[in-house]
C-alpha atoms as a PDB file:
ATOM      1  CA  MET A   1      92.311  91.153  77.056  1.00  0.00           C
ATOM      2  CA  PRO A   2      95.530  89.324  77.975  1.00  0.00           C
ATOM      3  CA  LEU A   3      98.807  91.152  78.275  1.00  0.00           C
ATOM      4  CA  ALA A   4     101.576  90.307  75.835  1.00  0.00           C
ATOM      5  CA  ALA A   5     103.393  88.138  78.374  1.00  0.00           C
ATOM      6  CA  SER A   6     103.128  86.998  81.972  1.00  0.00           C
ATOM      7  CA  PRO A   7     106.629  87.162  83.442  1.00  0.00           C
ATOM      8  CA  ALA A   8     107.037  86.233  87.084  1.00  0.00           C
ATOM      9  CA  PRO A   9     106.886  89.268  89.396  1.00  0.00           C
ATOM     10  CA  ARG A  10     110.005  90.479  91.214  1.00  0.00           C
ATOM     11  CA  ARG A  11     108.804  93.043  93.786  1.00  0.00           C
ATOM     12  CA  ALA A  12     105.656  92.833  95.914  1.00  0.00           C
ATOM     13  CA  LEU A  13     103.627  95.095  98.130  1.00  0.00           C
ATOM     14  CA  VAL A  14     101.532  92.976 100.521  1.00  0.00           C
ATOM     15  CA  VAL A  15      98.515  94.889 101.869  1.00  0.00           C
ATOM     16  CA  VAL A  16      96.759  93.183 104.779  1.00  0.00           C
ATOM     17  CA  ASN A  17      93.635  94.184 106.655  1.00  0.00           C
ATOM     18  CA  PRO A  18      94.244  92.837 110.179  1.00  0.00           C
ATOM     19  CA  THR A  19      90.547  93.217 111.050  1.00  0.00           C
ATOM     20  CA  ALA A  20      89.292  91.083 108.139  1.00  0.00           C
ATOM     21  CA  GLY A  21      87.329  87.985 109.105  1.00  0.00           C
ATOM     22  CA  THR A  22      90.096  85.387 108.759  1.00  0.00           C
ATOM     23  CA  ALA A  23      93.240  87.566 108.529  1.00  0.00           C
ATOM     24  CA  ARG A  24      95.065  85.825 111.361  1.00  0.00           C
ATOM     25  CA  PRO A  25      98.766  86.590 112.037  1.00  0.00           C
ATOM     26  CA  GLN A  26      99.770  83.118 110.856  1.00  0.00           C
ATOM     27  CA  LEU A  27      98.079  83.732 107.490  1.00  0.00           C
ATOM     28  CA  LEU A  28     100.047  86.927 106.915  1.00  0.00           C
ATOM     29  CA  ALA A  29     103.249  85.204 108.031  1.00  0.00           C
ATOM     30  CA  GLU A  30     102.717  82.435 105.496  1.00  0.00           C
ATOM     31  CA  VAL A  31     101.930  84.864 102.675  1.00  0.00           C
ATOM     32  CA  VAL A  32     105.039  86.934 103.400  1.00  0.00           C
ATOM     33  CA  GLU A  33     107.229  83.839 103.726  1.00  0.00           C
ATOM     34  CA  ARG A  34     106.078  82.548 100.335  1.00  0.00           C
ATOM     35  CA  CYS A  35     106.655  85.942  98.707  1.00  0.00           C
ATOM     36  CA  ARG A  36     110.116  86.394 100.200  1.00  0.00           C
ATOM     37  CA  ALA A  37     111.148  82.912  99.078  1.00  0.00           C
ATOM     38  CA  ARG A  38     110.437  83.836  95.433  1.00  0.00           C
ATOM     39  CA  LEU A  39     110.829  87.591  95.032  1.00  0.00           C
ATOM     40  CA  ASP A  40     113.614  90.134  95.203  1.00  0.00           C
ATOM     41  CA  SER A  41     111.805  92.452  97.609  1.00  0.00           C
ATOM     42  CA  VAL A  42     108.629  92.357  99.710  1.00  0.00           C
ATOM     43  CA  THR A  43     107.045  95.280 101.577  1.00  0.00           C
ATOM     44  CA  VAL A  44     104.170  94.756 104.018  1.00  0.00           C
ATOM     45  CA  HIS A  45     101.507  97.341 104.830  1.00  0.00           C
ATOM     46  CA  ARG A  46      98.925  96.747 107.585  1.00  0.00           C
ATOM     47  CA  THR A  47      95.867  98.925 107.113  1.00  0.00           C
ATOM     48  CA  THR A  48      94.916 101.205 109.994  1.00  0.00           C
ATOM     49  CA  HIS A  49      91.873 103.104 108.731  1.00  0.00           C
ATOM     50  CA  ARG A  50      89.443 103.353 105.854  1.00  0.00           C
ATOM     51  CA  GLY A  51      91.397 104.271 102.733  1.00  0.00           C
ATOM     52  CA  SER A  52      94.704 103.080 104.170  1.00  0.00           C
ATOM     53  CA  ALA A  53      95.135 100.396 101.490  1.00  0.00           C
ATOM     54  CA  THR A  54      94.540 102.927  98.712  1.00  0.00           C
ATOM     55  CA  GLU A  55      97.090 105.302 100.213  1.00  0.00           C
ATOM     56  CA  ALA A  56      99.709 102.547 100.517  1.00  0.00           C
ATOM     57  CA  VAL A  57      99.320 101.447  96.892  1.00  0.00           C
ATOM     58  CA  ARG A  58      99.595 104.998  95.581  1.00  0.00           C
ATOM     59  CA  ALA A  59     102.641 105.733  97.752  1.00  0.00           C
ATOM     60  CA  ALA A  60     104.395 102.561  96.559  1.00  0.00           C
ATOM     61  CA  HIS A  61     104.082 103.760  92.954  1.00  0.00           C
ATOM     62  CA  THR A  62     105.234 107.331  93.576  1.00  0.00           C
ATOM     63  CA  PRO A  63     107.899 108.422  91.038  1.00  0.00           C
ATOM     64  CA  GLY A  64     111.306 108.809  92.650  1.00  0.00           C
ATOM     65  CA  GLY A  65     110.424 106.597  95.594  1.00  0.00           C
ATOM     66  CA  GLY A  66     112.438 103.598  94.449  1.00  0.00           C
ATOM     67  CA  PRO A  67     111.425 100.620  92.307  1.00  0.00           C
ATOM     68  CA  ALA A  68     107.661 100.220  92.249  1.00  0.00           C
ATOM     69  CA  PRO A  69     106.078  96.832  92.983  1.00  0.00           C
ATOM     70  CA  ASP A  70     105.049  94.774  89.980  1.00  0.00           C
ATOM     71  CA  LEU A  71     102.745  92.743  92.251  1.00  0.00           C
ATOM     72  CA  VAL A  72     100.253  93.971  94.857  1.00  0.00           C
ATOM     73  CA  VAL A  73      98.882  91.211  97.101  1.00  0.00           C
ATOM     74  CA  ALA A  74      95.626  92.080  98.880  1.00  0.00           C
ATOM     75  CA  VAL A  75      95.123  89.970 102.026  1.00  0.00           C
ATOM     76  CA  GLY A  76      91.603  90.578 103.249  1.00  0.00           C
ATOM     77  CA  GLY A  77      88.004  90.606 102.131  1.00  0.00           C
ATOM     78  CA  ASP A  78      86.241  92.232  99.211  1.00  0.00           C
ATOM     79  CA  GLY A  79      86.400  95.657 100.882  1.00  0.00           C
ATOM     80  CA  THR A  80      90.189  95.461 101.168  1.00  0.00           C
ATOM     81  CA  VAL A  81      90.464  94.384  97.537  1.00  0.00           C
ATOM     82  CA  ARG A  82      88.298  97.305  96.464  1.00  0.00           C
ATOM     83  CA  GLU A  83      90.574  99.785  98.280  1.00  0.00           C
ATOM     84  CA  VAL A  84      93.668  98.256  96.665  1.00  0.00           C
ATOM     85  CA  VAL A  85      91.982  98.553  93.267  1.00  0.00           C
ATOM     86  CA  GLN A  86      91.225 102.218  93.942  1.00  0.00           C
ATOM     87  CA  GLY A  87      94.957 102.743  94.448  1.00  0.00           C
ATOM     88  CA  LEU A  88      95.966 100.757  91.379  1.00  0.00           C
ATOM     89  CA  LEU A  89      93.529 102.615  89.159  1.00  0.00           C
ATOM     90  CA  ALA A  90      94.788 105.959  90.460  1.00  0.00           C
ATOM     91  CA  VAL A  91      98.258 104.847  89.360  1.00  0.00           C
ATOM     92  CA  HIS A  92      96.850 103.673  86.013  1.00  0.00           C
ATOM     93  CA  HIS A  93      95.304 107.100  85.450  1.00  0.00           C
ATOM     94  CA  ARG A  94      98.572 108.829  86.329  1.00  0.00           C
ATOM     95  CA  HIS A  95     100.526 106.482  84.070  1.00  0.00           C
ATOM     96  CA  SER A  96      98.241 106.679  81.034  1.00  0.00           C
ATOM     97  CA  PRO A  97      99.450 109.051  78.325  1.00  0.00           C
ATOM     98  CA  ALA A  98      97.641 112.368  78.426  1.00  0.00           C
ATOM     99  CA  PRO A  99      96.709 114.403  75.354  1.00  0.00           C
ATOM    100  CA  ALA A 100      99.139 117.140  74.376  1.00  0.00           C
ATOM    101  CA  GLY A 101      98.884 120.056  76.775  1.00  0.00           C
ATOM    102  CA  ALA A 102      96.760 118.117  79.277  1.00  0.00           C
ATOM    103  CA  PRO A 103      97.864 117.746  82.903  1.00  0.00           C
ATOM    104  CA  GLY A 104      99.013 114.384  84.286  1.00  0.00           C
ATOM    105  CA  GLY A 105      99.885 111.517  81.963  1.00  0.00           C
ATOM    106  CA  ALA A 106     102.804 109.143  82.115  1.00  0.00           C
ATOM    107  CA  SER A 107     105.505 111.606  83.123  1.00  0.00           C
ATOM    108  CA  GLY A 108     106.419 112.492  86.660  1.00  0.00           C
ATOM    109  CA  PRO A 109     108.274 115.560  87.920  1.00  0.00           C
ATOM    110  CA  GLY A 110     110.998 116.726  85.566  1.00  0.00           C
ATOM    111  CA  GLY A 111     109.682 114.451  82.806  1.00  0.00           C
ATOM    112  CA  ALA A 112     110.600 111.216  84.632  1.00  0.00           C
ATOM    113  CA  SER A 113     108.477 108.265  83.636  1.00  0.00           C
ATOM    114  CA  ALA A 114     105.924 107.284  86.283  1.00  0.00           C
ATOM    115  CA  PRO A 115     105.760 103.569  87.116  1.00  0.00           C
ATOM    116  CA  GLY A 116     102.768 101.628  85.855  1.00  0.00           C
ATOM    117  CA  PRO A 117     100.562  99.811  88.357  1.00  0.00           C
ATOM    118  CA  GLY A 118     101.541  96.435  89.752  1.00  0.00           C
ATOM    119  CA  ALA A 119      99.165  93.573  89.010  1.00  0.00           C
ATOM    120  CA  LEU A 120      96.654  92.565  91.668  1.00  0.00           C
ATOM    121  CA  ALA A 121      96.740  89.194  93.421  1.00  0.00           C
ATOM    122  CA  VAL A 122      94.196  88.270  96.098  1.00  0.00           C
ATOM    123  CA  VAL A 123      94.568  86.132  99.218  1.00  0.00           C
ATOM    124  CA  PRO A 124      91.039  85.629 100.607  1.00  0.00           C
ATOM    125  CA  ALA A 125      90.614  86.552 104.272  1.00  0.00           C
ATOM    126  CA  GLY A 126      87.147  88.080 104.430  1.00  0.00           C
ATOM    127  CA  THR A 127      83.535  86.939 104.667  1.00  0.00           C
ATOM    128  CA  GLY A 128      82.329  86.260 101.126  1.00  0.00           C
ATOM    129  CA  ASN A 129      85.649  86.512  99.260  1.00  0.00           C
ATOM    130  CA  SER A 130      83.793  86.891  95.970  1.00  0.00           C
ATOM    131  CA  ASP A 131      86.691  88.758  94.366  1.00  0.00           C
ATOM    132  CA  TYR A 132      88.959  85.773  94.910  1.00  0.00           C
ATOM    133  CA  ARG A 133      86.355  83.401  93.483  1.00  0.00           C
ATOM    134  CA  MET A 134      85.930  85.702  90.489  1.00  0.00           C
ATOM    135  CA  LEU A 135      89.628  85.273  89.661  1.00  0.00           C
ATOM    136  CA  TRP A 136      90.406  81.747  90.862  1.00  0.00           C
ATOM    137  CA  ALA A 137      87.104  79.863  91.335  1.00  0.00           C
ATOM    138  CA  ASP A 138      87.669  77.652  94.404  1.00  0.00           C
ATOM    139  CA  ALA A 139      91.401  76.977  93.992  1.00  0.00           C
ATOM    140  CA  PRO A 140      93.327  76.976  97.314  1.00  0.00           C
ATOM    141  CA  TRP A 141      94.927  80.368  97.861  1.00  0.00           C
ATOM    142  CA  ALA A 142      98.383  78.912  98.554  1.00  0.00           C
ATOM    143  CA  ALA A 143      98.415  77.140  95.184  1.00  0.00           C
ATOM    144  CA  SER A 144      97.222  80.210  93.288  1.00  0.00           C
ATOM    145  CA  LEU A 145      99.742  82.505  94.989  1.00  0.00           C
ATOM    146  CA  GLU A 146     102.582  80.082  94.246  1.00  0.00           C
ATOM    147  CA  ALA A 147     101.539  80.000  90.578  1.00  0.00           C
ATOM    148  CA  VAL A 148     101.664  83.809  90.482  1.00  0.00           C
ATOM    149  CA  LEU A 149     105.028  84.058  92.228  1.00  0.00           C
ATOM    150  CA  THR A 150     106.622  81.568  89.837  1.00  0.00           C
ATOM    151  CA  GLY A 151     104.884  82.910  86.730  1.00  0.00           C
ATOM    152  CA  ASP A 152     103.553  79.430  86.000  1.00  0.00           C
ATOM    153  CA  GLY A 153     101.666  80.035  82.749  1.00  0.00           C
ATOM    154  CA  SER A 154      99.886  76.696  82.971  1.00  0.00           C
ATOM    155  CA  ARG A 155      98.149  77.799  86.177  1.00  0.00           C
ATOM    156  CA  ALA A 156      98.151  81.608  86.238  1.00  0.00           C
ATOM    157  CA  ARG A 157      97.887  84.474  83.760  1.00  0.00           C
ATOM    158  CA  ARG A 158      98.320  88.224  84.073  1.00  0.00           C
ATOM    159  CA  ARG A 159      95.714  90.212  82.163  1.00  0.00           C
ATOM    160  CA  ARG A 160      93.733  93.435  82.189  1.00  0.00           C
ATOM    161  CA  ILE A 161      90.087  93.320  83.187  1.00  0.00           C
ATOM    162  CA  ASP A 162      87.181  95.753  83.115  1.00  0.00           C
ATOM    163  CA  VAL A 163      86.119  97.837  86.109  1.00  0.00           C
ATOM    164  CA  GLY A 164      82.908  99.762  86.729  1.00  0.00           C
ATOM    165  CA  LEU A 165      82.684 103.401  87.758  1.00  0.00           C
ATOM    166  CA  LEU A 166      79.848 104.491  90.031  1.00  0.00           C
ATOM    167  CA  ALA A 167      78.945 107.840  88.507  1.00  0.00           C
ATOM    168  CA  GLU A 168      77.210 109.243  91.601  1.00  0.00           C
ATOM    169  CA  THR A 169      80.326 108.971  93.808  1.00  0.00           C
ATOM    170  CA  GLY A 170      83.270 108.394  91.465  1.00  0.00           C
ATOM    171  CA  GLU A 171      84.100 105.135  93.253  1.00  0.00           C
ATOM    172  CA  LEU A 172      85.220 102.033  91.401  1.00  0.00           C
ATOM    173  CA  VAL A 173      83.157  98.854  91.207  1.00  0.00           C
ATOM    174  CA  LEU A 174      85.139  95.646  90.843  1.00  0.00           C
ATOM    175  CA  LEU A 175      82.892  92.786  91.864  1.00  0.00           C
ATOM    176  CA  GLY A 176      79.485  94.336  91.363  1.00  0.00           C
ATOM    177  CA  ALA A 177      76.864  96.779  92.593  1.00  0.00           C
ATOM    178  CA  CYS A 178      73.420  95.635  93.681  1.00  0.00           C
ATOM    179  CA  SER A 179      70.201  97.257  94.798  1.00  0.00           C
ATOM    180  CA  GLY A 180      67.482  95.737  96.920  1.00  0.00           C
ATOM    181  CA  LEU A 181      67.749  92.332  98.541  1.00  0.00           C
ATOM    182  CA  ILE A 182      71.508  91.809  98.465  1.00  0.00           C
ATOM    183  CA  ALA A 183      72.034  95.207 100.092  1.00  0.00           C
ATOM    184  CA  GLU A 184      69.463  94.335 102.776  1.00  0.00           C
ATOM    185  CA  GLY A 185      71.368  91.127 103.426  1.00  0.00           C
ATOM    186  CA  LEU A 186      74.427  93.153 104.446  1.00  0.00           C
ATOM    187  CA  ILE A 187      72.397  94.896 107.130  1.00  0.00           C
ATOM    188  CA  THR A 188      71.074  91.602 108.493  1.00  0.00           C
ATOM    189  CA  ALA A 189      74.592  90.112 108.487  1.00  0.00           C
ATOM    190  CA  ARG A 190      75.753  92.620 111.112  1.00  0.00           C
ATOM    191  CA  ALA A 191      73.908  90.699 113.824  1.00  0.00           C
ATOM    192  CA  ILE A 192      75.308  87.302 112.784  1.00  0.00           C
ATOM    193  CA  THR A 193      78.631  86.321 114.328  1.00  0.00           C
ATOM    194  CA  VAL A 194      79.628  83.185 112.406  1.00  0.00           C
ATOM    195  CA  PRO A 195      82.699  83.683 110.179  1.00  0.00           C
ATOM    196  CA  GLY A 196      83.210  83.323 106.435  1.00  0.00           C
ATOM    197  CA  ARG A 197      80.574  82.648 103.798  1.00  0.00           C
ATOM    198  CA  GLU A 198      78.231  81.042 106.326  1.00  0.00           C
ATOM    199  CA  ARG A 199      77.549  84.490 107.763  1.00  0.00           C
ATOM    200  CA  TYR A 200      75.953  85.754 104.555  1.00  0.00           C
ATOM    201  CA  ALA A 201      74.382  82.347 103.873  1.00  0.00           C
ATOM    202  CA  ARG A 202      72.356  82.860 107.044  1.00  0.00           C
ATOM    203  CA  ALA A 203      71.770  86.578 106.549  1.00  0.00           C
ATOM    204  CA  LEU A 204      70.317  86.589 103.035  1.00  0.00           C
ATOM    205  CA  PRO A 205      67.400  84.189 103.681  1.00  0.00           C
ATOM    206  CA  GLU A 206      66.556  86.108 106.845  1.00  0.00           C
ATOM    207  CA  ALA A 207      66.550  89.408 104.944  1.00  0.00           C
ATOM    208  CA  ALA A 208      64.556  87.842 102.095  1.00  0.00           C
ATOM    209  CA  ALA A 209      61.784  86.680 104.426  1.00  0.00           C
ATOM    210  CA  ALA A 210      61.001  90.296 105.348  1.00  0.00           C
ATOM    211  CA  PHE A 211      61.798  91.973 102.019  1.00  0.00           C
ATOM    212  CA  THR A 212      59.282  94.067 100.059  1.00  0.00           C
ATOM    213  CA  PRO A 213      60.041  94.731  96.353  1.00  0.00           C
ATOM    214  CA  TYR A 214      60.517  98.365  95.398  1.00  0.00           C
ATOM    215  CA  PRO A 215      59.228 100.206  92.283  1.00  0.00           C
ATOM    216  CA  GLY A 216      62.205 100.345  89.977  1.00  0.00           C
ATOM    217  CA  ARG A 217      63.559 100.806  86.480  1.00  0.00           C
ATOM    218  CA  VAL A 218      66.772  99.549  84.896  1.00  0.00           C
ATOM    219  CA  THR A 219      68.157 101.113  81.730  1.00  0.00           C
ATOM    220  CA  VAL A 220      70.997  99.672  79.631  1.00  0.00           C
ATOM    221  CA  ASP A 221      72.699 102.083  77.211  1.00  0.00           C
ATOM    222  CA  GLY A 222      69.540 104.174  77.095  1.00  0.00           C
ATOM    223  CA  SER A 223      67.058 101.307  76.575  1.00  0.00           C
ATOM    224  CA  VAL A 224      64.707 100.183  79.344  1.00  0.00           C
ATOM    225  CA  LEU A 225      65.411  96.586  80.353  1.00  0.00           C
ATOM    226  CA  HIS A 226      62.955  96.416  83.265  1.00  0.00           C
ATOM    227  CA  GLU A 227      60.336  98.620  84.857  1.00  0.00           C
ATOM    228  CA  GLY A 228      58.115  97.561  87.745  1.00  0.00           C
ATOM    229  CA  ALA A 229      58.367  95.880  91.137  1.00  0.00           C
ATOM    230  CA  THR A 230      61.988  94.910  91.753  1.00  0.00           C
ATOM    231  CA  VAL A 231      63.635  92.484  94.171  1.00  0.00           C
ATOM    232  CA  LEU A 232      67.199  93.258  93.110  1.00  0.00           C
ATOM    233  CA  ALA A 233      69.263  94.649  90.257  1.00  0.00           C
ATOM    234  CA  ASN A 234      72.874  93.469  90.169  1.00  0.00           C
ATOM    235  CA  VAL A 235      75.473  95.122  87.907  1.00  0.00           C
ATOM    236  CA  GLY A 236      78.920  93.546  87.432  1.00  0.00           C
ATOM    237  CA  GLY A 237      81.457  92.162  87.280  1.00  0.00           C
ATOM    238  CA  GLY A 238      81.767  88.905  89.061  1.00  0.00           C
ATOM    239  CA  ARG A 239      79.401  86.010  88.512  1.00  0.00           C
ATOM    240  CA  TYR A 240      78.895  85.330  92.227  1.00  0.00           C
ATOM    241  CA  ARG A 241      77.886  87.533  95.145  1.00  0.00           C
ATOM    242  CA  GLY A 242      78.585  86.574  98.726  1.00  0.00           C
ATOM    243  CA  GLY A 243      81.008  84.017  97.301  1.00  0.00           C
ATOM    244  CA  GLN A 244      78.172  81.544  96.659  1.00  0.00           C
ATOM    245  CA  TYR A 245      75.144  83.145  94.977  1.00  0.00           C
ATOM    246  CA  LEU A 246      75.236  82.851  91.189  1.00  0.00           C
ATOM    247  CA  ILE A 247      73.681  86.046  89.810  1.00  0.00           C
ATOM    248  CA  LEU A 248      75.505  86.671  86.509  1.00  0.00           C
ATOM    249  CA  PRO A 249      76.256  83.194  85.095  1.00  0.00           C
ATOM    250  CA  HIS A 250      77.628  84.428  81.770  1.00  0.00           C
ATOM    251  CA  SER A 251      79.540  87.548  82.820  1.00  0.00           C
ATOM    252  CA  GLU A 252      83.052  87.955  81.390  1.00  0.00           C
ATOM    253  CA  LEU A 253      85.637  90.139  83.073  1.00  0.00           C
ATOM    254  CA  ASP A 254      87.374  91.413  79.967  1.00  0.00           C
ATOM    255  CA  ASP A 255      84.739  91.909  77.260  1.00  0.00           C
ATOM    256  CA  GLY A 256      84.481  95.683  77.696  1.00  0.00           C
ATOM    257  CA  LEU A 257      80.872  95.427  78.917  1.00  0.00           C
ATOM    258  CA  LEU A 258      78.914  95.308  82.166  1.00  0.00           C
ATOM    259  CA  ASP A 259      76.313  92.614  82.812  1.00  0.00           C
ATOM    260  CA  VAL A 260      73.104  93.197  84.742  1.00  0.00           C
ATOM    261  CA  CYS A 261      70.573  90.816  86.271  1.00  0.00           C
ATOM    262  CA  VAL A 262      67.190  92.118  87.396  1.00  0.00           C
ATOM    263  CA  VAL A 263      64.865  90.013  89.541  1.00  0.00           C
ATOM    264  CA  GLY A 264      61.272  91.188  89.327  1.00  0.00           C
ATOM    265  CA  ALA A 265      58.494  90.522  91.798  1.00  0.00           C
ATOM    266  CA  GLU A 266      57.383  87.465  89.799  1.00  0.00           C
ATOM    267  CA  VAL A 267      60.056  85.705  91.860  1.00  0.00           C
ATOM    268  CA  ALA A 268      59.326  85.705  95.583  1.00  0.00           C
ATOM    269  CA  ALA A 269      62.185  87.312  97.488  1.00  0.00           C
ATOM    270  CA  ALA A 270      62.191  84.355  99.874  1.00  0.00           C
ATOM    271  CA  ASP A 271      63.031  82.034  96.955  1.00  0.00           C
ATOM    272  CA  VAL A 272      66.006  84.026  95.676  1.00  0.00           C
ATOM    273  CA  PRO A 273      68.719  82.743  98.081  1.00  0.00           C
ATOM    274  CA  HIS A 274      68.020  79.076  97.307  1.00  0.00           C
ATOM    275  CA  LEU A 275      67.638  79.644  93.566  1.00  0.00           C
ATOM    276  CA  ALA A 276      70.847  81.701  93.319  1.00  0.00           C
ATOM    277  CA  ARG A 277      72.831  79.265  95.431  1.00  0.00           C
ATOM    278  CA  ALA A 278      71.665  76.370  93.255  1.00  0.00           C
ATOM    279  CA  GLY A 279      72.432  78.260  90.032  1.00  0.00           C
ATOM    280  CA  LEU A 280      68.785  78.269  88.954  1.00  0.00           C
ATOM    281  CA  LEU A 281      67.816  81.931  89.366  1.00  0.00           C
ATOM    282  CA  HIS A 282      68.414  82.875  85.738  1.00  0.00           C
ATOM    283  CA  GLU A 283      65.832  80.314  84.541  1.00  0.00           C
ATOM    284  CA  ARG A 284      62.859  81.831  86.353  1.00  0.00           C
ATOM    285  CA  PRO A 285      60.204  84.027  84.673  1.00  0.00           C
ATOM    286  CA  GLY A 286      60.613  87.590  85.845  1.00  0.00           C
ATOM    287  CA  VAL A 287      64.440  87.436  85.794  1.00  0.00           C
ATOM    288  CA  VAL A 288      66.004  89.416  82.948  1.00  0.00           C
ATOM    289  CA  HIS A 289      69.618  89.921  81.914  1.00  0.00           C
ATOM    290  CA  GLY A 290      71.299  92.650  79.913  1.00  0.00           C
ATOM    291  CA  ARG A 291      74.745  93.807  78.874  1.00  0.00           C
ATOM    292  CA  GLY A 292      76.077  97.249  78.041  1.00  0.00           C
ATOM    293  CA  ARG A 293      78.482 100.074  78.760  1.00  0.00           C
ATOM    294  CA  ARG A 294      76.266 102.216  80.989  1.00  0.00           C
ATOM    295  CA  ILE A 295      73.611 100.841  83.310  1.00  0.00           C
ATOM    296  CA  VAL A 296      71.220 102.940  85.399  1.00  0.00           C
ATOM    297  CA  VAL A 297      69.226 101.471  88.299  1.00  0.00           C
ATOM    298  CA  GLU A 298      66.445 103.709  89.663  1.00  0.00           C
ATOM    299  CA  ARG A 299      63.869 103.728  92.415  1.00  0.00           C
ATOM    300  CA  LEU A 300      60.715 105.417  91.115  1.00  0.00           C
ATOM    301  CA  ASP A 301      58.782 106.389  94.262  1.00  0.00           C
ATOM    302  CA  GLY A 302      61.190 109.130  95.336  1.00  0.00           C
ATOM    303  CA  ARG A 303      62.600 107.195  98.266  1.00  0.00           C
ATOM    304  CA  PRO A 304      66.364 106.521  98.497  1.00  0.00           C
ATOM    305  CA  LEU A 305      67.619 103.471  96.623  1.00  0.00           C
ATOM    306  CA  ARG A 306      69.306 101.037  99.007  1.00  0.00           C
ATOM    307  CA  PHE A 307      72.337  99.563  97.291  1.00  0.00           C
ATOM    308  CA  GLU A 308      75.840  98.253  97.875  1.00  0.00           C
ATOM    309  CA  HIS A 309      78.941  97.673  95.830  1.00  0.00           C
ATOM    310  CA  ASP A 310      81.761  95.234  96.494  1.00  0.00           C
ATOM    311  CA  GLY A 311      80.120  94.231  99.762  1.00  0.00           C
ATOM    312  CA  GLU A 312      79.955  97.792 101.153  1.00  0.00           C
ATOM    313  CA  LEU A 313      76.524  99.265 101.917  1.00  0.00           C
ATOM    314  CA  GLN A 314      76.207 102.781 100.462  1.00  0.00           C
ATOM    315  CA  ARG A 315      74.764 105.227 102.984  1.00  0.00           C
ATOM    316  CA  LEU A 316      73.474 107.695 100.423  1.00  0.00           C
ATOM    317  CA  SER A 317      70.167 109.417  99.723  1.00  0.00           C
ATOM    318  CA  PHE A 318      70.316 108.901  95.944  1.00  0.00           C
ATOM    319  CA  THR A 319      67.303 107.500  94.112  1.00  0.00           C
ATOM    320  CA  SER A 320      69.508 105.887  91.467  1.00  0.00           C
ATOM    321  CA  MET A 321      72.892 104.320  90.833  1.00  0.00           C
ATOM    322  CA  THR A 322      74.706 104.598  87.512  1.00  0.00           C
ATOM    323  CA  VAL A 323      77.569 102.250  86.628  1.00  0.00           C
ATOM    324  CA  GLN A 324      79.655 102.732  83.496  1.00  0.00           C
ATOM    325  CA  VAL A 325      82.441 100.470  82.273  1.00  0.00           C
ATOM    326  CA  LEU A 326      86.152 101.269  82.245  1.00  0.00           C
ATOM    327  CA  PRO A 327      87.397  98.643  79.788  1.00  0.00           C
ATOM    328  CA  GLY A 328      90.623  96.744  80.442  1.00  0.00           C
ATOM    329  CA  VAL A 329      92.075  99.139  83.007  1.00  0.00           C
ATOM    330  CA  LEU A 330      93.024  96.780  85.853  1.00  0.00           C
ATOM    331  CA  PRO A 331      96.012  94.395  85.699  1.00  0.00           C
ATOM    332  CA  VAL A 332      95.288  91.224  87.675  1.00  0.00           C
ATOM    333  CA  TRP A 333      96.569  87.705  88.170  1.00  0.00           C
ATOM    334  CA  GLY A 334      94.002  84.934  87.798  1.00  0.00           C
ATOM    335  CA  ALA A 335      93.665  81.317  86.778  1.00  0.00           C
ATOM    336  CA  ALA A 336      94.979  80.390  83.338  1.00  0.00           C
ATOM    337  CA  THR A 337      91.788  78.713  82.142  1.00  0.00           C
ATOM    338  CA  LYS A 338      88.263  79.948  81.813  1.00  0.00           C
ATOM    339  CA  GLU A 339      85.661  79.303  84.475  1.00  0.00           C
ATOM    340  CA  VAL A 340      82.809  77.442  82.803  1.00  0.00           C
ATOM    341  CA  THR A 341      79.673  77.806  84.891  1.00  0.00           C
ATOM    342  CA  ARG A 342      77.660  74.765  83.923  1.00  0.00           C
ATOM    343  CA  VAL A 343      74.107  75.256  85.105  1.00  0.00           C
ATOM    344  CA  HIS A 344      71.702  72.327  85.406  1.00  0.00           C
ATOM    345  CA  THR A 345      69.066  70.989  87.754  1.00  0.00           C
ATOM    346  CA  GLN A 346      71.650  69.992  90.329  1.00  0.00           C
ATOM    347  CA  GLY A 347      73.098  73.503  90.529  1.00  0.00           C
ATOM    348  CA  ALA A 348      76.070  75.352  89.152  1.00  0.00           C
ATOM    349  CA  VAL A 349      79.394  73.614  88.806  1.00  0.00           C
ATOM    350  CA  PRO A 350      82.436  75.910  88.465  1.00  0.00           C
ATOM    351  CA  LEU A 351      85.179  74.411  86.309  1.00  0.00           C
ATOM    352  CA  GLY A 352      88.550  76.104  86.383  1.00  0.00           C
ATOM    353  CA  GLY A 353      89.248  79.823  86.711  1.00  0.00           C
ATOM    354  CA  LEU A 354      89.338  83.023  84.686  1.00  0.00           C
ATOM    355  CA  ALA A 355      89.322  83.129  80.910  1.00  0.00           C
ATOM    356  CA  ALA A 356      92.672  83.306  79.178  1.00  0.00           C
ATOM    357  CA  SER A 357      91.206  85.261  76.310  1.00  0.00           C
END
């Protein structure tokens, strides 16, 4: 759902994770230089601990603390982006009008209007960088950032997209949440030292070779989509995981719904990495897709469900994960044209960026 207009931003908060895979000092210097050349003010925050990015975004939007940023640039990987989104959505909640007599809402102390959240822009500096691909396909980050800073409507648009809410923890899900194989791949990746997307490209096949499907059930808006042996169940969000594995080829970011892909045991786990990377996974028998507002993924043998969201393994003892949609709550900058994922026997070919409608 596009916003009424996409004026160029004037004030930016740049949030950088210095420990992200490719967040070198020269990258931050270039990002800040580009922002300062175009904007009225630029503030830089270097994260120091888990949750630091969320704290910085919330503080920057505190009523009475000076002009709030209308742009928040996340420099890091998918985990950094997720923390920034947590902060932006906290601001959104504070800014949204509350019913009469309810606490919170759009007014700050003394009735002063609280600033709305700045729009998210992403500079990829992590391992998979799937969030960046979700918004910009494979456009160079310098070109996409310049389009945002200049408000170039032919290359960039500001819009509001959907976000998921993980009911068990209250955490937000931007890119996607996945049980089974993709979560196991994160564990395997810890022992692999190569940088960028190659790290997960090596980890997932290794994890798949030793993976055993689990007894599972997936329910979409109360109707059972799948029950039986399960390799993975991915709820999102973004079309790609790990920046390269096409799991949800038809997912839209602003349709008010969540997509889910379930891979049953009819597909050998060892075949999933190649099929997903080639854009062929959705064609195989045993792979089902659904779409809805509330999606529940369960493990049926009483053992904990291993799952991740936004590239972060969840160390929980839950036997299920429940994701519900928050429609159109997150302002973001992305490409001006829709990404058309053309799937054929030679693989998936991304064309362009995010939908303009």
